[in-house]
Protein backbone atom coordinates (compact mmCIF):
# COMPACT_ATOMS: atom_id res chain seq x y z
CA MET A 1 24.15 -7.32 -0.09
CA LYS A 2 22.20 -9.08 -2.82
CA PRO A 3 23.46 -8.66 -6.38
CA ALA A 4 21.55 -6.17 -8.53
CA LEU A 5 19.39 -7.45 -11.35
CA SER A 6 21.08 -7.62 -14.74
CA PRO A 7 19.90 -5.03 -17.28
CA ASP A 8 18.22 -7.78 -19.31
CA THR A 9 16.34 -9.17 -16.31
CA LEU A 10 15.25 -5.69 -15.24
CA ALA A 11 14.03 -4.92 -18.77
CA GLN A 12 12.08 -8.20 -18.88
CA ARG A 13 10.42 -7.51 -15.55
CA ARG A 14 9.52 -3.98 -16.57
CA ASP A 15 7.94 -5.29 -19.75
CA LEU A 16 6.00 -7.90 -17.77
CA ALA A 17 4.85 -5.32 -15.20
CA LEU A 18 3.46 -3.03 -17.91
CA TRP A 19 1.85 -5.93 -19.76
CA ALA A 20 0.16 -7.11 -16.56
CA HIS A 21 -0.83 -3.53 -15.74
CA GLU A 22 -2.67 -3.15 -19.05
CA ARG A 23 -4.43 -6.50 -18.75
CA LEU A 24 -5.49 -6.06 -15.14
CA CYS A 25 -6.57 -2.43 -15.55
CA ALA A 26 -8.80 -3.49 -18.43
CA GLU A 27 -10.16 -6.44 -16.44
CA TYR A 28 -11.10 -4.42 -13.35
CA GLY A 29 -12.16 -1.16 -14.95
CA ALA A 30 -9.41 1.41 -14.46
CA PRO A 31 -9.09 4.29 -13.92
CA PHE A 32 -10.20 3.75 -10.35
CA PRO A 33 -11.61 6.62 -8.27
CA PHE A 34 -9.52 7.45 -5.21
CA PHE A 35 -11.28 6.02 -2.17
CA SER A 36 -9.92 8.53 0.36
CA THR A 37 -10.19 12.28 0.72
CA LYS A 38 -8.27 12.55 3.99
CA ASP A 39 -5.54 15.10 4.59
CA PRO A 40 -2.08 13.50 5.00
CA LEU A 41 -2.00 13.50 8.82
CA SER A 42 -5.45 11.94 8.97
CA GLU A 43 -4.40 9.38 6.38
CA LEU A 44 -1.36 8.54 8.50
CA ILE A 45 -3.53 7.88 11.55
CA SER A 46 -6.01 5.88 9.49
CA SER A 47 -3.24 3.76 7.98
CA LEU A 48 -1.78 2.98 11.39
CA LEU A 49 -5.19 1.91 12.69
CA SER A 50 -5.64 -0.41 9.70
CA HIS A 51 -2.54 -2.50 10.46
CA ARG A 52 -3.59 -6.14 10.80
CA THR A 53 -7.21 -5.06 10.96
CA ARG A 54 -10.16 -5.65 8.63
CA ASN A 55 -11.17 -2.57 6.67
CA GLN A 56 -14.61 -2.27 8.25
CA ASP A 57 -13.15 -2.48 11.75
CA SER A 58 -10.38 0.05 11.15
CA HIS A 59 -12.90 2.40 9.53
CA ARG A 60 -15.15 2.13 12.58
CA ALA A 61 -12.20 2.76 14.90
CA TYR A 62 -11.22 5.85 12.92
CA GLN A 63 -14.77 7.21 12.91
CA GLN A 64 -15.12 6.65 16.66
CA LEU A 65 -11.79 8.38 17.29
CA ARG A 66 -12.81 11.44 15.25
CA ALA A 67 -16.22 11.61 16.89
CA ARG A 68 -14.73 11.55 20.36
CA PHE A 69 -11.75 13.82 19.63
CA PRO A 70 -12.45 16.34 16.83
CA THR A 71 -8.80 17.43 16.56
CA TRP A 72 -5.53 15.53 16.51
CA ASP A 73 -4.23 17.78 19.30
CA GLN A 74 -7.03 16.43 21.48
CA VAL A 75 -6.04 12.85 20.64
CA ARG A 76 -2.43 13.66 21.51
CA ASP A 77 -3.32 15.16 24.89
CA ALA A 78 -6.13 12.81 25.97
CA PRO A 79 -5.72 10.10 28.62
CA THR A 80 -4.37 7.09 26.76
CA ALA A 81 -7.15 4.87 28.13
CA GLU A 82 -9.74 7.09 26.44
CA VAL A 83 -7.95 6.87 23.10
CA GLU A 84 -7.72 3.10 23.51
CA GLU A 85 -11.45 2.90 24.18
CA ALA A 86 -12.23 5.03 21.11
CA ILE A 87 -10.23 2.77 18.79
CA SER A 88 -11.38 -0.49 20.37
CA PRO A 89 -12.75 -1.96 17.08
CA CYS A 90 -9.22 -2.27 15.65
CA THR A 91 -6.72 -4.94 16.64
CA TRP A 92 -4.31 -4.23 19.50
CA PRO A 93 -5.85 -0.91 20.62
CA GLU A 94 -3.72 -1.11 23.77
CA GLN A 95 -0.60 -0.86 21.56
CA LYS A 96 -1.95 1.51 18.95
CA ALA A 97 -3.32 4.15 21.33
CA PRO A 98 0.03 5.08 22.93
CA ARG A 99 1.76 4.80 19.56
CA LEU A 100 -0.68 7.24 17.94
CA GLN A 101 -0.09 9.72 20.74
CA HIS A 102 3.67 9.27 20.49
CA ILE A 103 3.56 9.91 16.75
CA LEU A 104 1.40 13.01 17.15
CA ARG A 105 3.82 14.39 19.73
CA GLU A 106 6.81 13.61 17.55
CA VAL A 107 5.22 15.17 14.46
CA GLY A 108 4.59 18.34 16.46
CA GLN A 109 8.15 18.41 17.80
CA ARG A 110 9.73 17.83 14.38
CA CYS A 111 7.56 20.53 12.81
CA GLY A 112 8.11 22.98 15.65
CA GLY A 113 4.41 23.25 16.45
CA PRO A 114 1.11 22.20 14.82
CA CYS A 115 1.76 20.21 11.66
CA ASP A 116 -0.65 18.98 9.02
CA LEU A 117 2.01 17.25 6.87
CA GLU A 118 1.01 19.32 3.85
CA PHE A 119 4.67 20.30 3.50
CA LEU A 120 5.34 16.78 2.18
CA ALA A 121 3.88 17.97 -1.12
CA ASP A 122 7.01 20.05 -1.70
CA LEU A 123 9.60 17.36 -0.93
CA PRO A 124 10.97 14.87 -3.44
CA ILE A 125 9.12 11.61 -2.91
CA PRO A 126 12.13 9.70 -1.49
CA GLU A 127 12.67 12.49 1.05
CA ALA A 128 8.98 12.63 1.97
CA ARG A 129 8.91 8.88 2.51
CA ALA A 130 12.12 8.97 4.56
CA TRP A 131 10.63 11.72 6.76
CA LEU A 132 7.55 9.61 7.45
CA GLU A 133 9.51 6.40 7.99
CA GLN A 134 11.44 7.99 10.83
CA LEU A 135 8.21 7.94 12.83
CA PRO A 136 7.69 4.88 15.06
CA GLY A 137 5.75 2.10 13.38
CA VAL A 138 5.81 3.71 9.93
CA GLY A 139 7.24 1.55 7.17
CA PRO A 140 7.24 1.66 3.36
CA LYS A 141 3.59 0.70 2.98
CA THR A 142 2.35 3.40 5.33
CA SER A 143 4.60 6.13 3.94
CA ALA A 144 3.45 5.35 0.41
CA ALA A 145 -0.20 5.22 1.51
CA VAL A 146 0.05 8.66 3.11
CA LEU A 147 1.50 10.19 -0.05
CA LEU A 148 -0.75 8.42 -2.56
CA PHE A 149 -4.10 7.96 -0.81
CA SER A 150 -4.28 11.33 0.95
CA THR A 151 -5.15 14.63 -0.69
CA LEU A 152 -1.46 14.98 -1.55
CA ARG A 153 -2.03 12.49 -4.41
CA ARG A 154 1.66 11.80 -4.98
CA PRO A 155 2.89 8.80 -7.04
CA ALA A 156 4.24 6.52 -4.31
CA MET A 157 3.12 2.90 -4.51
CA PRO A 158 2.02 0.90 -1.46
CA VAL A 159 2.28 -2.88 -1.64
CA ASP A 160 -0.31 -4.81 0.36
CA SER A 161 -0.45 -8.58 0.82
CA HIS A 162 -2.63 -9.15 -2.29
CA HIS A 163 -0.43 -6.96 -4.49
CA HIS A 164 2.66 -8.73 -3.13
CA ARG A 165 1.24 -12.20 -3.79
CA VAL A 166 0.32 -11.40 -7.41
CA ALA A 167 3.71 -9.78 -8.08
CA GLN A 168 5.54 -12.75 -6.62
CA ARG A 169 3.56 -15.33 -8.61
CA LEU A 170 4.08 -13.36 -11.81
CA GLY A 171 7.82 -13.30 -11.17
CA LEU A 172 8.10 -9.53 -10.78
CA ILE A 173 9.94 -10.17 -7.52
CA GLY A 174 11.71 -13.21 -6.17
CA PRO A 175 10.00 -15.88 -4.04
CA LYS A 176 11.80 -14.83 -0.86
CA VAL A 177 11.26 -11.07 -1.14
CA GLY A 178 9.16 -9.81 1.76
CA THR A 179 6.42 -7.20 1.55
CA GLU A 180 8.57 -4.33 2.84
CA ALA A 181 11.52 -5.08 0.54
CA ALA A 182 9.11 -5.43 -2.40
CA HIS A 183 8.26 -1.73 -2.38
CA ALA A 184 11.53 -0.50 -3.86
CA LEU A 185 11.82 -3.43 -6.28
CA LEU A 186 8.30 -3.07 -7.67
CA ASP A 187 8.50 0.71 -7.79
CA ALA A 188 11.63 0.40 -9.95
CA LEU A 189 9.61 -1.49 -12.58
CA LEU A 190 7.20 1.39 -13.19
CA PRO A 191 7.81 4.32 -15.55
CA PRO A 192 9.30 7.23 -13.55
CA ASP A 193 6.96 9.73 -15.21
CA TRP A 194 3.75 8.02 -14.09
CA ASP A 195 1.37 10.31 -12.22
CA ALA A 196 -0.55 9.45 -9.06
CA GLN A 197 -3.57 8.09 -10.95
CA GLN A 198 -1.43 5.64 -12.93
CA VAL A 199 0.38 4.43 -9.83
CA TYR A 200 -2.93 4.13 -7.98
CA ASP A 201 -4.43 2.15 -10.85
CA HIS A 202 -1.45 -0.22 -10.82
CA HIS A 203 -1.73 -0.83 -7.09
CA GLU A 204 -5.51 -1.23 -7.17
CA ALA A 205 -5.49 -3.53 -10.21
CA LEU A 206 -2.98 -5.94 -8.66
CA MET A 207 -4.78 -5.77 -5.31
CA PHE A 208 -8.16 -6.47 -6.92
CA HIS A 209 -6.65 -9.40 -8.80
CA GLY A 210 -5.37 -10.86 -5.56
CA GLN A 211 -8.79 -10.42 -3.96
CA LYS A 212 -10.91 -11.65 -6.89
CA CYS A 213 -8.80 -14.26 -8.71
CA CYS A 214 -5.27 -14.88 -7.46
CA TYR A 215 -6.40 -16.14 -4.06
CA PHE A 216 -3.96 -17.29 -1.41
CA HIS A 217 -5.63 -20.72 -1.45
CA THR A 218 -6.89 -22.29 -4.70
CA PRO A 219 -6.27 -19.36 -7.07
CA ALA A 220 -8.55 -19.29 -10.12
CA CYS A 221 -5.79 -19.64 -12.72
CA GLY A 222 -8.23 -20.97 -15.32
CA ARG A 223 -9.88 -17.54 -15.66
CA CYS A 224 -6.81 -15.41 -14.98
CA VAL A 225 -6.13 -12.74 -17.62
CA VAL A 226 -2.39 -12.80 -16.95
CA ALA A 227 -1.93 -16.58 -16.71
CA ALA A 228 -0.20 -16.72 -20.12
CA ARG A 229 2.91 -15.08 -18.66
CA CYS A 230 2.58 -16.19 -15.04
CA PRO A 231 5.02 -18.97 -14.06
CA PHE A 232 2.86 -19.92 -11.09
CA GLY A 233 -0.27 -20.11 -13.25
CA GLN A 234 1.47 -22.02 -16.01
CA ALA A 235 2.71 -24.61 -13.54
CA ARG A 236 -0.83 -25.11 -12.21
CA LEU A 237 -2.57 -25.16 -15.57
CA GLY A 238 -0.16 -27.42 -17.43
CA THR A 239 1.26 -27.09 -20.91
CA ALA A 240 -1.92 -27.89 -22.86
CA ALA A 241 -4.01 -25.34 -21.01
CA GLN A 242 -1.30 -22.72 -21.36
CA LEU A 243 -1.42 -22.86 -25.13
CA THR A 244 -5.12 -21.96 -25.19
CA LEU A 245 -4.36 -18.73 -23.31
CA LEU A 246 -1.82 -17.36 -25.79
């Protein structure tokens, strides 16, 4: 087991997270409108289709699936080959089709019949996430996405690859912390009384920064609004350039 952060280190990282939050929210125009209006079960299916898939392709796969099978019960009971054909725009449809059907069957069994996952609104967030993460193929990112992005609008924070990269370069998490492990560590840096909009803004702001400035290759540190306190950016810019950012 890794040693816990010291109180001083935790306090420093919390301060840095809130400082970066304010800067990045101002830079990208928070508050951000929620992009999804899906119910939680639909959001779960959509999230699973999006794994390792470009947004436009996963969206097309989801739309084709809904057009062909208007209800999730129909998806569950359809021949797997037909589900696979419907979601063909996403990556690995041959793996995702049987998994979706397995999940829909398991959700029904655990709920004792039809289940829309609306009951997750009444569970404490750790319990709601644990319930979802018992489903095959559902990890921290998906459980948080279901709670935050769906109509439940609950303050659980997903961490995608862009968010993870920005957090790592800022020093909010260590250099060897993976995306899944980052969820609990980054969540612990946010105020516990934040509502869903604030958590969503934090996620979106860091994600946008990864997409628009803190690129995987050749990040644009010279125009980065958080470079003054970013160890990665400081190392790239050099001491002289750092001073002009303070």
